[in-house]
Amino acid sequence: MDSFDPGSSDSSKLDSGELQEFLQIEKQKAQLNAQIHEFNDFCWDKCMDKPGSKLDSKTENCLTNCVERFLDVSFLITNRFAQLMQKSGS
């Protein structure tokens, strides 16, 4: 898809459907970034007792588990969303 250029004189480059798709993709990117920030805050608060020059094994394991669970849930939600989109498109 071509990038949206509001200053372009060729208005046929981006029709209404493409604009809606572009806006939906940008909204999804913003939501993903918000989720990543929320995840970072959650795992930091959950796992970090006091910051130091090195991570101890307990903190490292906590952060690893937190990240892995986040990724598991993200993949599950993404796959479920893709299934729903396929059903609605069929």
Protein backbone atom coordinates (compact mmCIF):
# COMPACT_ATOMS: atom_id res chain seq x y z
CA MET A 1 0.00 0.00 0.00
CA ASP A 2 1.27 3.46 -0.84
CA SER A 3 1.92 5.79 2.06
CA PHE A 4 -0.63 8.49 2.68
CA ASP A 5 0.52 11.96 1.67
CA PRO A 6 -2.09 14.58 2.57
CA GLY A 7 -0.32 17.18 0.42
CA SER A 8 -0.54 15.07 -2.70
CA SER A 9 -2.57 16.51 -5.57
CA ASP A 10 -3.40 13.00 -6.84
CA SER A 11 -6.42 12.09 -4.69
CA SER A 12 -6.91 8.81 -6.56
CA LYS A 13 -3.83 7.34 -4.87
CA LEU A 14 -5.72 6.55 -1.68
CA ASP A 15 -9.41 5.75 -1.80
CA SER A 16 -11.70 5.66 1.21
CA GLY A 17 -11.16 1.93 1.83
CA GLU A 18 -7.39 2.28 1.75
CA LEU A 19 -7.58 5.24 4.09
CA GLN A 20 -9.69 3.24 6.54
CA GLU A 21 -7.22 0.35 6.32
CA PHE A 22 -4.28 2.70 6.88
CA LEU A 23 -5.98 4.27 9.91
CA GLN A 24 -6.85 0.83 11.33
CA ILE A 25 -3.24 -0.33 10.98
CA GLU A 26 -1.96 2.82 12.68
CA LYS A 27 -4.48 2.35 15.50
CA GLN A 28 -3.31 -1.25 15.96
CA LYS A 29 0.32 -0.10 16.09
CA ALA A 30 -0.54 2.44 18.78
CA GLN A 31 -2.43 -0.19 20.78
CA LEU A 32 0.51 -2.61 20.53
CA ASN A 33 2.92 0.08 21.72
CA ALA A 34 0.63 0.87 24.65
CA GLN A 35 0.48 -2.83 25.55
CA ILE A 36 4.28 -3.12 25.41
CA HIS A 37 4.66 -0.14 27.75
CA GLU A 38 2.09 -1.63 30.12
CA PHE A 39 3.89 -4.97 29.99
CA ASN A 40 7.25 -3.31 30.72
CA ASP A 41 5.80 -1.49 33.71
CA PHE A 42 4.10 -4.64 35.01
CA CYS A 43 7.18 -6.88 34.73
CA TRP A 44 9.44 -4.19 36.18
CA ASP A 45 7.16 -3.66 39.19
CA LYS A 46 6.67 -7.41 39.65
CA CYS A 47 10.29 -8.49 39.35
CA MET A 48 12.59 -5.63 40.38
CA ASP A 49 13.06 -5.26 44.12
CA LYS A 50 15.89 -2.78 43.91
CA PRO A 51 17.93 -1.92 40.82
CA GLY A 52 21.60 -2.78 41.01
CA SER A 53 24.59 -3.16 38.76
CA LYS A 54 23.70 -6.82 38.01
CA LEU A 55 20.55 -8.94 37.87
CA ASP A 56 20.45 -11.76 40.38
CA SER A 57 19.15 -15.14 39.18
CA LYS A 58 15.78 -14.71 40.90
CA THR A 59 15.13 -11.37 39.16
CA GLU A 60 16.38 -12.69 35.82
CA ASN A 61 14.10 -15.75 36.05
CA CYS A 62 11.15 -13.54 37.01
CA LEU A 63 11.72 -11.22 34.05
CA THR A 64 12.17 -14.16 31.68
CA ASN A 65 8.94 -15.81 32.86
CA CYS A 66 7.06 -12.53 32.70
CA VAL A 67 8.22 -11.88 29.13
CA GLU A 68 7.43 -15.45 28.05
CA ARG A 69 3.90 -15.26 29.48
CA PHE A 70 3.36 -11.92 27.78
CA LEU A 71 4.47 -13.37 24.44
CA ASP A 72 2.29 -16.46 24.93
CA VAL A 73 -0.77 -14.32 25.57
CA SER A 74 0.06 -11.96 22.72
CA PHE A 75 0.36 -14.85 20.24
CA LEU A 76 -2.86 -16.39 21.53
CA ILE A 77 -4.76 -13.11 21.14
CA THR A 78 -3.23 -12.45 17.71
CA ASN A 79 -4.14 -15.91 16.45
CA ARG A 80 -7.66 -15.64 17.82
CA PHE A 81 -8.10 -12.22 16.22
CA ALA A 82 -6.87 -13.61 12.88
CA GLN A 83 -9.39 -16.47 13.13
CA LEU A 84 -12.20 -14.03 13.81
CA MET A 85 -11.13 -11.86 10.88
CA GLN A 86 -11.10 -14.91 8.58
CA LYS A 87 -14.60 -15.89 9.70
CA SER A 88 -15.95 -12.37 9.18
CA GLY A 89 -14.28 -12.15 5.76
CA SER A 90 -15.71 -15.45 4.54
